[in-house]
C-alpha atoms as a PDB file:
ATOM      1  CA  MET A   1      -1.982  17.756  -7.246  1.00  0.00           C
ATOM      2  CA  ILE A   2      -5.311  16.100  -7.979  1.00  0.00           C
ATOM      3  CA  PHE A   3      -3.813  12.780  -6.863  1.00  0.00           C
ATOM      4  CA  LEU A   4      -2.849  14.335  -3.525  1.00  0.00           C
ATOM      5  CA  VAL A   5      -6.352  15.737  -3.011  1.00  0.00           C
ATOM      6  CA  ALA A   6      -7.903  12.372  -3.884  1.00  0.00           C
ATOM      7  CA  ALA A   7      -5.531  10.555  -1.510  1.00  0.00           C
ATOM      8  CA  LEU A   8      -6.396  12.922   1.333  1.00  0.00           C
ATOM      9  CA  LEU A   9     -10.108  12.498   0.610  1.00  0.00           C
ATOM     10  CA  VAL A  10      -9.809   8.704   0.722  1.00  0.00           C
ATOM     11  CA  LEU A  11      -7.750   8.923   3.918  1.00  0.00           C
ATOM     12  CA  GLY A  12     -10.426  11.098   5.500  1.00  0.00           C
ATOM     13  CA  VAL A  13     -13.153   8.636   4.563  1.00  0.00           C
ATOM     14  CA  LEU A  14     -11.183   5.689   5.951  1.00  0.00           C
ATOM     15  CA  VAL A  15     -10.350   7.454   9.206  1.00  0.00           C
ATOM     16  CA  GLY A  16     -13.972   8.536   9.555  1.00  0.00           C
ATOM     17  CA  ALA A  17     -15.164   4.973   8.994  1.00  0.00           C
ATOM     18  CA  ALA A  18     -12.665   3.646  11.536  1.00  0.00           C
ATOM     19  CA  ALA A  19     -14.071   6.024  14.145  1.00  0.00           C
ATOM     20  CA  TYR A  20     -17.393   4.158  14.031  1.00  0.00           C
ATOM     21  CA  LEU A  21     -15.929   0.665  14.232  1.00  0.00           C
ATOM     22  CA  PRO A  22     -15.134  -1.039  17.525  1.00  0.00           C
ATOM     23  CA  LEU A  23     -11.440  -0.935  18.450  1.00  0.00           C
ATOM     24  CA  PRO A  24     -10.807  -4.710  18.021  1.00  0.00           C
ATOM     25  CA  VAL A  25     -12.274  -4.624  14.500  1.00  0.00           C
ATOM     26  CA  THR A  26     -10.180  -1.576  13.626  1.00  0.00           C
ATOM     27  CA  LEU A  27      -7.025  -3.276  14.901  1.00  0.00           C
ATOM     28  CA  VAL A  28      -7.727  -6.489  12.975  1.00  0.00           C
ATOM     29  CA  LEU A  29      -8.394  -4.589   9.747  1.00  0.00           C
ATOM     30  CA  GLY A  30      -5.301  -2.448  10.281  1.00  0.00           C
ATOM     31  CA  THR A  31      -3.215  -5.576  10.791  1.00  0.00           C
ATOM     32  CA  LEU A  32      -4.605  -7.125   7.611  1.00  0.00           C
ATOM     33  CA  ILE A  33      -3.745  -3.993   5.639  1.00  0.00           C
ATOM     34  CA  LEU A  34      -0.251  -3.973   7.142  1.00  0.00           C
ATOM     35  CA  LEU A  35       0.303  -7.613   6.163  1.00  0.00           C
ATOM     36  CA  TRP A  36      -0.981  -6.958   2.644  1.00  0.00           C
ATOM     37  CA  LEU A  37       1.430  -4.041   2.242  1.00  0.00           C
ATOM     38  CA  ALA A  38       4.320  -6.120   3.607  1.00  0.00           C
ATOM     39  CA  VAL A  39       3.626  -8.939   1.125  1.00  0.00           C
ATOM     40  CA  PHE A  40       3.361  -6.427  -1.706  1.00  0.00           C
ATOM     41  CA  THR A  41       6.681  -4.843  -0.712  1.00  0.00           C
ATOM     42  CA  VAL A  42       8.487  -8.189  -0.564  1.00  0.00           C
ATOM     43  CA  ARG A  43       7.091  -9.220  -3.962  1.00  0.00           C
ATOM     44  CA  GLU A  44       8.048  -5.912  -5.580  1.00  0.00           C
ATOM     45  CA  ARG A  45      11.582  -6.053  -4.190  1.00  0.00           C
ATOM     46  CA  GLY A  46      11.956  -9.595  -5.472  1.00  0.00           C
ATOM     47  CA  ARG A  47      10.650  -8.618  -8.893  1.00  0.00           C
ATOM     48  CA  ARG A  48      12.968  -5.611  -9.142  1.00  0.00           C
ATOM     49  CA  ARG A  49      15.987  -7.625  -8.058  1.00  0.00           C
ATOM     50  CA  ALA A  50      15.175 -10.328 -10.594  1.00  0.00           C
ATOM     51  CA  SER A  51      14.803  -7.803 -13.396  1.00  0.00           C
ATOM     52  CA  SER A  52      18.055  -6.050 -12.460  1.00  0.00           C
ATOM     53  CA  ARG A  53      19.918  -9.375 -12.516  1.00  0.00           C
ATOM     54  CA  THR A  54      18.697 -10.168 -16.014  1.00  0.00           C
ATOM     55  CA  GLY A  55      19.474  -6.662 -17.228  1.00  0.00           C
ATOM     56  CA  HIS A  56      15.926  -5.849 -18.266  1.00  0.00           C
ATOM     57  CA  LEU A  57      14.413  -2.567 -17.217  1.00  0.00           C
ATOM     58  CA  THR A  58      10.704  -2.718 -16.553  1.00  0.00           C
ATOM     59  CA  GLU A  59      10.112   0.930 -15.687  1.00  0.00           C
ATOM     60  CA  LYS A  60      10.614   4.070 -17.710  1.00  0.00           C
ATOM     61  CA  GLY A  61      13.765   5.880 -16.844  1.00  0.00           C
ATOM     62  CA  ALA A  62      15.039   3.193 -14.505  1.00  0.00           C
END
């Protein structure tokens, strides 16, 4: 529950900060964040596939 409250607080701060930035800057920063998340997703999928092929489990309960 505390994690959810903290996440909403951070989201509120980021949205508030974006309201003061010019639209082109907001779009560029949003695109950079999107690319960073896409790279992270691709790397995580590759890591999980590699660990499942070798038979090693890297996470608890997986």
